[in-house]
Amino acid sequence: MLISLFPSKYTYTKVDTDFFSAEKGKGNSFNAYMWGVVKDNAVELKHLAGVFCVKIDKMPSGAGVFEFSASETFTSGTATLGYTGSNGEAEYIDYPEIQSNGGAASVTIEFSGAEAGKPGVFYIPVPTGDYTNVTVSISDQDGGNKISIPCGNYHIDRAMLKAIYPKVAAGGSTTAGSAMDVVTAIGYGEKAITVAPDVTDLTICGNDNNDPISISYAQIPNGDLSIGYDPNLPIASQLVVSMPYDEVNSAAPNVTIDMFNTSVTLAATTGKAVYGTVTLEASGELLVVDSGVTVSELVIRRSNVRVKRDSHIKRIVNQSALEVKIYYEEGAWLPIDIPQGVTVVYE
């Protein structure tokens, strides 16, 4: 039996083509180890396990530290390599534990040679199974300016390349454990805030500069989410609400939005997210359904809607007394049955 020990720390300086790019030499790519099998005087490269392919949308620096973590320890187990041994039987790889920090697993990559401001791709080999509370972080070499991004829950199989697209802007510098913490953080000038899953009744205000406010959930909210405002507080002009992806539990939060003077965007923290029933009481001039977002049901009582490419609304219910417009970008998905009173405007 072959034995493979995955290290808990990698150091990469080479920049190469990445999983997401077809143009060789143009990617910020930090590649994981693979197993080389010599066959017919050639080398076949095989993934020993599943591989998380994490694409950071904008690299904050050319050199630094990337960390991937999850709640579970990367446990031992076996899986086929994908080829037949000399005895005609399948060979196996034994997965020992990678690293355990108080019940959590983490892998660190020290990188250099990246092009700051461009996307960067990191590869994390892991044993097969479910991974919850996945978080990625990226910082300078000395650990400063650290950005942590909650990514959700995932299942991975052997030889599977699991793509995750964390957005650096979704990495809030402040974590809010209550609705009042959110208001306080905005009052102190925070524009990107990570919210604990127990906070389900949000009051959103603006700041002195009228900056767009970004709210990212660390995990899928524990219950229906209500987003409203206080008329006694400054009004935010724009609000972005980002959800992680829960592939393990298939969780999809129901959301009620009542933001009379605030345009709201439903976004995905990691490239895709699923919302349940979204009830639109009011949302400034527009509710924007961002790329990668699926809405199971949209109930419109006021405001118009823009659906961006690669977004998907499965069902629309119109309860507005006024005409509703849905601004449609090519590549978005709308239901076949558009209710009366709703006009689709193709952009």
Protein backbone atom coordinates (compact mmCIF):
# COMPACT_ATOMS: atom_id res chain seq x y z
CA MET A 1 0.00 0.00 0.00
CA LEU A 2 1.32 3.43 -0.92
CA ILE A 3 1.51 6.04 1.82
CA SER A 4 1.05 9.78 1.23
CA LEU A 5 1.56 12.48 3.86
CA PHE A 6 0.07 15.84 2.92
CA PRO A 7 2.05 18.68 4.48
CA SER A 8 0.28 21.44 6.39
CA LYS A 9 2.48 24.12 4.85
CA TYR A 10 3.59 24.82 1.29
CA THR A 11 5.96 27.41 -0.16
CA TYR A 12 5.48 28.44 -3.80
CA THR A 13 7.33 31.01 -5.88
CA LYS A 14 6.39 29.85 -9.38
CA VAL A 15 3.58 31.53 -11.27
CA ASP A 16 1.99 29.32 -13.92
CA THR A 17 -1.18 28.61 -15.89
CA ASP A 18 -4.15 28.07 -13.58
CA PHE A 19 -7.22 25.81 -13.63
CA PHE A 20 -9.45 28.70 -14.69
CA SER A 21 -7.30 30.04 -17.53
CA ALA A 22 -6.58 28.52 -20.95
CA GLU A 23 -3.75 30.97 -21.66
CA LYS A 24 -0.47 29.46 -20.55
CA GLY A 25 1.73 31.62 -18.37
CA LYS A 26 -0.99 34.20 -17.69
CA GLY A 27 -2.32 32.90 -14.39
CA ASN A 28 -1.36 33.64 -10.78
CA SER A 29 -1.27 29.91 -9.98
CA PHE A 30 0.21 28.16 -6.95
CA ASN A 31 -0.03 24.46 -7.76
CA ALA A 32 -0.46 21.51 -5.42
CA TYR A 33 1.62 18.33 -5.47
CA MET A 34 0.44 15.45 -7.66
CA TRP A 35 1.42 11.78 -7.93
CA GLY A 36 3.40 10.86 -11.04
CA VAL A 37 2.77 7.37 -12.44
CA VAL A 38 5.27 6.14 -15.04
CA LYS A 39 3.42 4.25 -17.76
CA ASP A 40 4.65 3.38 -21.27
CA ASN A 41 7.68 5.67 -20.85
CA ALA A 42 5.43 8.62 -19.97
CA VAL A 43 4.32 10.20 -16.73
CA GLU A 44 0.62 10.36 -15.86
CA LEU A 45 -0.15 12.88 -13.14
CA LYS A 46 -2.91 11.82 -10.73
CA HIS A 47 -4.58 13.74 -7.93
CA LEU A 48 -4.20 11.79 -4.71
CA ALA A 49 -7.39 13.20 -3.26
CA GLY A 50 -9.91 15.94 -3.90
CA VAL A 51 -8.51 19.38 -4.61
CA PHE A 52 -10.03 22.73 -3.64
CA CYS A 53 -9.26 25.28 -6.37
CA VAL A 54 -9.60 28.64 -4.64
CA LYS A 55 -9.63 31.65 -6.94
CA ILE A 56 -9.12 34.97 -5.13
CA ASP A 57 -10.70 37.68 -7.27
CA LYS A 58 -8.01 40.26 -6.56
CA MET A 59 -4.60 39.46 -5.04
CA PRO A 60 -3.82 42.13 -2.44
CA SER A 61 -0.03 41.70 -2.77
CA GLY A 62 2.65 39.91 -4.76
CA ALA A 63 3.88 37.91 -1.80
CA GLY A 64 2.24 36.78 1.41
CA VAL A 65 0.47 33.96 3.22
CA PHE A 66 -2.69 32.12 2.13
CA GLU A 67 -4.55 29.87 4.59
CA PHE A 68 -7.38 27.38 4.01
CA SER A 69 -9.24 26.10 7.09
CA ALA A 70 -12.33 24.05 7.96
CA SER A 71 -14.07 22.87 11.13
CA GLU A 72 -13.22 19.21 10.53
CA THR A 73 -9.82 17.67 10.95
CA PHE A 74 -8.59 16.27 7.66
CA THR A 75 -9.16 12.66 8.71
CA SER A 76 -7.52 9.43 7.59
CA GLY A 77 -9.06 7.33 4.86
CA THR A 78 -8.37 5.45 1.65
CA ALA A 79 -9.25 6.10 -1.97
CA THR A 80 -8.16 4.61 -5.29
CA LEU A 81 -5.40 6.24 -7.22
CA GLY A 82 -7.23 5.59 -10.48
CA TYR A 83 -4.92 3.03 -12.08
CA THR A 84 -4.30 -0.74 -11.86
CA GLY A 85 -1.21 -2.20 -10.24
CA SER A 86 1.04 -4.96 -11.62
CA ASN A 87 -1.04 -7.62 -9.89
CA GLY A 88 -4.16 -6.47 -11.71
CA GLU A 89 -5.66 -4.94 -8.59
CA ALA A 90 -6.26 -1.26 -7.87
CA GLU A 91 -3.58 0.54 -5.88
CA TYR A 92 -4.61 2.65 -2.87
CA ILE A 93 -3.43 5.77 -1.12
CA ASP A 94 -3.65 6.03 2.66
CA TYR A 95 -4.59 9.55 3.87
CA PRO A 96 -3.05 10.38 7.23
CA GLU A 97 -4.16 13.42 9.21
CA ILE A 98 -2.81 16.68 7.84
CA GLN A 99 -3.06 19.00 10.81
CA SER A 100 -5.36 19.54 13.77
CA ASN A 101 -5.74 22.80 15.68
CA GLY A 102 -8.37 22.34 18.38
CA GLY A 103 -10.49 20.18 16.08
CA ALA A 104 -9.96 22.39 13.01
CA ALA A 105 -7.81 21.73 9.98
CA SER A 106 -5.72 24.25 8.13
CA VAL A 107 -3.24 24.39 5.29
CA THR A 108 -0.93 27.37 4.79
CA ILE A 109 0.72 28.46 1.56
CA GLU A 110 3.50 31.03 1.57
CA PHE A 111 3.55 32.54 -1.91
CA SER A 112 5.57 35.01 -3.94
CA GLY A 113 5.83 36.08 -7.56
CA ALA A 114 2.13 36.93 -7.89
CA GLU A 115 0.80 39.91 -9.79
CA ALA A 116 -1.03 42.12 -7.30
CA GLY A 117 -4.47 43.29 -8.31
CA LYS A 118 -5.08 40.26 -10.56
CA PRO A 119 -6.87 37.00 -9.70
CA GLY A 120 -4.83 34.31 -7.95
CA VAL A 121 -5.48 30.56 -7.74
CA PHE A 122 -4.46 28.25 -4.87
CA TYR A 123 -4.78 24.45 -4.79
CA ILE A 124 -5.47 22.57 -1.55
CA PRO A 125 -5.35 18.71 -1.71
CA VAL A 126 -7.69 17.15 0.87
CA PRO A 127 -9.12 13.70 1.64
CA THR A 128 -12.66 13.08 0.44
CA GLY A 129 -15.63 14.07 2.61
CA ASP A 130 -17.66 17.02 3.88
CA TYR A 131 -15.98 20.27 4.90
CA THR A 132 -17.95 22.84 6.89
CA ASN A 133 -17.14 26.39 7.97
CA VAL A 134 -14.55 26.64 5.22
CA THR A 135 -12.64 29.90 5.53
CA VAL A 136 -9.79 31.29 3.46
CA SER A 137 -7.55 34.14 4.47
CA ILE A 138 -4.75 36.03 2.78
CA SER A 139 -2.22 38.38 4.38
CA ASP A 140 1.15 40.03 3.93
CA GLN A 141 4.27 37.98 4.65
CA ASP A 142 4.45 39.37 8.18
CA GLY A 143 0.80 38.50 8.83
CA GLY A 144 -0.43 42.08 8.47
CA ASN A 145 -3.46 43.31 6.53
CA LYS A 146 -5.12 39.93 6.91
CA ILE A 147 -8.41 39.38 5.05
CA SER A 148 -10.57 36.40 6.10
CA ILE A 149 -13.44 35.26 3.89
CA PRO A 150 -16.10 32.72 5.02
CA CYS A 151 -16.82 30.31 2.16
CA GLY A 152 -19.49 27.90 3.46
CA ASN A 153 -19.78 24.10 3.36
CA TYR A 154 -18.62 21.70 0.64
CA HIS A 155 -18.44 18.01 -0.27
CA ILE A 156 -15.44 16.76 -2.23
CA ASP A 157 -14.57 13.42 -3.86
CA ARG A 158 -11.30 11.92 -5.05
CA ALA A 159 -9.88 13.57 -8.18
CA MET A 160 -12.55 16.28 -7.93
CA LEU A 161 -11.49 19.86 -8.54
CA LYS A 162 -13.84 21.92 -6.36
CA ALA A 163 -13.88 25.55 -7.50
CA ILE A 164 -14.43 28.32 -4.93
CA TYR A 165 -14.37 32.02 -5.86
CA PRO A 166 -13.91 34.10 -2.68
CA LYS A 167 -14.31 37.83 -3.15
CA VAL A 168 -11.75 39.93 -1.27
CA ALA A 169 -14.32 42.71 -0.82
CA ALA A 170 -16.49 40.27 1.14
CA GLY A 171 -13.79 39.81 3.77
CA GLY A 172 -15.11 42.08 6.49
CA SER A 173 -12.58 43.58 8.90
CA THR A 174 -15.19 43.50 11.68
CA THR A 175 -17.29 40.54 12.81
CA ALA A 176 -20.71 41.49 14.18
CA GLY A 177 -22.40 39.20 16.71
CA SER A 178 -25.62 41.20 16.99
CA ALA A 179 -27.75 43.65 15.01
CA MET A 180 -26.49 46.48 17.24
CA ASP A 181 -22.90 45.49 16.44
CA VAL A 182 -23.69 46.05 12.76
CA VAL A 183 -25.06 49.56 13.41
CA THR A 184 -22.08 50.37 15.66
CA ALA A 185 -19.54 49.15 13.09
CA ILE A 186 -21.10 51.26 10.33
CA GLY A 187 -21.11 54.24 12.69
CA TYR A 188 -17.37 53.76 13.19
CA GLY A 189 -16.81 53.85 9.43
CA GLU A 190 -16.69 50.13 8.66
CA LYS A 191 -17.90 49.40 5.12
CA ALA A 192 -17.44 45.58 4.97
CA ILE A 193 -18.82 43.61 7.91
CA THR A 194 -18.97 39.86 8.53
CA VAL A 195 -22.12 38.83 10.41
CA ALA A 196 -22.62 35.80 12.66
CA PRO A 197 -25.33 33.35 11.52
CA ASP A 198 -27.48 33.98 14.63
CA VAL A 199 -28.05 37.61 13.55
CA THR A 200 -31.22 37.42 11.46
CA ASP A 201 -32.90 40.80 12.05
CA LEU A 202 -30.67 43.45 10.50
CA THR A 203 -31.05 47.21 10.74
CA ILE A 204 -28.90 48.93 8.12
CA CYS A 205 -27.82 52.55 8.32
CA GLY A 206 -25.42 54.75 6.38
CA ASN A 207 -22.24 56.59 7.36
CA ASP A 208 -21.11 60.19 6.97
CA ASN A 209 -19.54 59.52 3.55
CA ASN A 210 -22.63 57.67 2.29
CA ASP A 211 -20.39 54.72 1.37
CA PRO A 212 -21.85 51.48 0.01
CA ILE A 213 -22.22 48.98 2.86
CA SER A 214 -21.30 45.29 2.44
CA ILE A 215 -22.71 42.61 4.75
CA SER A 216 -21.31 39.06 4.50
CA TYR A 217 -22.58 36.11 6.50
CA ALA A 218 -20.03 33.77 8.02
CA GLN A 219 -22.49 30.90 7.52
CA ILE A 220 -26.07 30.57 6.24
CA PRO A 221 -28.32 32.46 8.73
CA ASN A 222 -30.00 30.36 11.40
CA GLY A 223 -33.54 31.30 10.38
CA ASP A 224 -35.35 33.71 8.08
CA LEU A 225 -33.48 36.95 7.46
CA SER A 226 -35.10 40.37 7.75
CA ILE A 227 -33.28 43.45 6.40
CA GLY A 228 -34.72 46.85 7.28
CA TYR A 229 -33.80 50.40 8.28
CA ASP A 230 -34.39 52.89 11.09
CA PRO A 231 -35.83 56.24 9.91
CA ASN A 232 -33.98 57.91 12.80
CA LEU A 233 -30.58 56.82 11.44
CA PRO A 234 -28.71 57.94 8.29
CA ILE A 235 -29.85 56.09 5.17
CA ALA A 236 -27.37 53.94 3.22
CA SER A 237 -27.41 54.51 -0.54
CA GLN A 238 -26.34 50.96 -1.42
CA LEU A 239 -26.25 47.64 0.42
CA VAL A 240 -24.62 44.39 -0.72
CA VAL A 241 -25.65 41.21 1.12
CA SER A 242 -23.37 38.21 0.45
CA MET A 243 -24.07 34.59 1.34
CA PRO A 244 -21.66 31.65 1.36
CA TYR A 245 -22.55 28.40 -0.40
CA ASP A 246 -23.83 25.41 1.58
CA GLU A 247 -23.35 22.30 -0.52
CA VAL A 248 -23.52 19.91 2.43
CA ASN A 249 -26.90 20.91 3.90
CA SER A 250 -28.50 22.47 0.78
CA ALA A 251 -29.52 25.40 2.99
CA ALA A 252 -31.18 28.45 1.39
CA PRO A 253 -32.23 31.39 3.60
CA ASN A 254 -35.56 33.19 3.17
CA VAL A 255 -35.03 36.96 3.05
CA THR A 256 -37.41 39.90 3.52
CA ILE A 257 -36.07 43.26 2.30
CA ASP A 258 -37.60 46.57 3.36
CA MET A 259 -35.07 49.26 2.43
CA PHE A 260 -37.12 52.18 1.12
CA ASN A 261 -34.24 54.42 -0.06
CA THR A 262 -31.45 51.84 -0.37
CA SER A 263 -30.64 49.83 -3.48
CA VAL A 264 -29.88 46.25 -2.42
CA THR A 265 -27.73 43.62 -4.13
CA LEU A 266 -28.04 39.93 -3.30
CA ALA A 267 -24.57 38.51 -3.90
CA ALA A 268 -22.51 35.36 -3.50
CA THR A 269 -19.43 35.37 -1.27
CA THR A 270 -17.78 32.53 -3.16
CA GLY A 271 -19.03 32.64 -6.74
CA LYS A 272 -22.44 31.05 -6.13
CA ALA A 273 -25.18 31.20 -3.51
CA VAL A 274 -28.77 30.03 -3.15
CA TYR A 275 -31.55 32.12 -1.58
CA GLY A 276 -34.99 30.71 -0.75
CA THR A 277 -38.03 32.99 -0.91
CA VAL A 278 -36.99 36.63 -1.27
CA THR A 279 -39.80 39.06 -0.39
CA LEU A 280 -39.17 42.53 -1.77
CA GLU A 281 -41.13 45.06 0.28
CA ALA A 282 -38.94 47.90 -1.00
CA SER A 283 -35.38 48.37 -2.23
CA GLY A 284 -34.69 51.92 -3.34
CA GLU A 285 -34.94 51.92 -7.11
CA LEU A 286 -33.59 48.39 -7.64
CA LEU A 287 -33.02 44.98 -6.20
CA VAL A 288 -29.98 43.51 -7.99
CA VAL A 289 -29.59 39.73 -8.22
CA ASP A 290 -25.86 39.32 -8.74
CA SER A 291 -24.00 36.78 -10.88
CA GLY A 292 -23.92 33.28 -9.43
CA VAL A 293 -27.03 33.82 -7.29
CA THR A 294 -30.08 31.56 -7.48
CA VAL A 295 -33.40 32.78 -6.01
CA SER A 296 -35.99 30.03 -5.55
CA GLU A 297 -38.91 32.48 -5.39
CA LEU A 298 -39.06 36.27 -5.72
CA VAL A 299 -42.12 38.01 -4.26
CA ILE A 300 -42.27 41.62 -5.49
CA ARG A 301 -44.35 44.14 -3.55
CA ARG A 302 -42.41 47.26 -4.54
CA SER A 303 -39.32 48.30 -6.59
CA ASN A 304 -37.80 47.03 -9.81
CA VAL A 305 -35.27 44.24 -10.27
CA ARG A 306 -32.07 43.74 -12.24
CA VAL A 307 -30.87 40.19 -12.92
CA LYS A 308 -27.22 39.89 -13.91
CA ARG A 309 -25.76 37.25 -16.18
CA ASP A 310 -25.34 33.79 -14.61
CA SER A 311 -28.08 34.54 -12.06
CA HIS A 312 -31.25 32.44 -11.83
CA ILE A 313 -34.75 33.29 -10.58
CA LYS A 314 -36.93 30.18 -10.55
CA ARG A 315 -40.32 31.72 -9.73
CA ILE A 316 -41.73 35.27 -9.63
CA VAL A 317 -44.82 36.41 -7.70
CA ASN A 318 -46.04 39.97 -8.35
CA GLN A 319 -47.93 41.64 -5.49
CA SER A 320 -47.16 45.24 -6.50
CA ALA A 321 -49.90 47.74 -7.32
CA LEU A 322 -47.48 49.47 -9.71
CA GLU A 323 -45.88 48.17 -12.89
CA VAL A 324 -42.69 46.26 -12.18
CA LYS A 325 -39.70 46.16 -14.52
CA ILE A 326 -37.11 43.39 -14.55
CA TYR A 327 -33.90 44.49 -16.28
CA TYR A 328 -32.46 41.36 -17.85
CA GLU A 329 -28.79 40.88 -18.76
CA GLU A 330 -27.97 38.29 -21.40
CA GLY A 331 -27.02 35.03 -19.71
CA ALA A 332 -29.47 35.38 -16.79
CA TRP A 333 -32.26 32.86 -16.22
CA LEU A 334 -35.91 33.81 -15.65
CA PRO A 335 -38.96 31.55 -15.33
CA ILE A 336 -41.06 30.93 -18.43
CA ASP A 337 -44.20 32.23 -16.70
CA ILE A 338 -43.79 35.97 -16.10
CA PRO A 339 -46.76 37.27 -14.04
CA GLN A 340 -49.01 40.09 -15.16
CA GLY A 341 -47.81 43.57 -14.30
CA VAL A 342 -44.18 42.59 -14.81
CA THR A 343 -42.27 43.80 -17.88
CA VAL A 344 -38.93 42.29 -18.83
CA VAL A 345 -36.51 44.86 -20.29
CA TYR A 346 -33.66 43.24 -22.22
CA GLU A 347 -30.31 44.96 -21.82
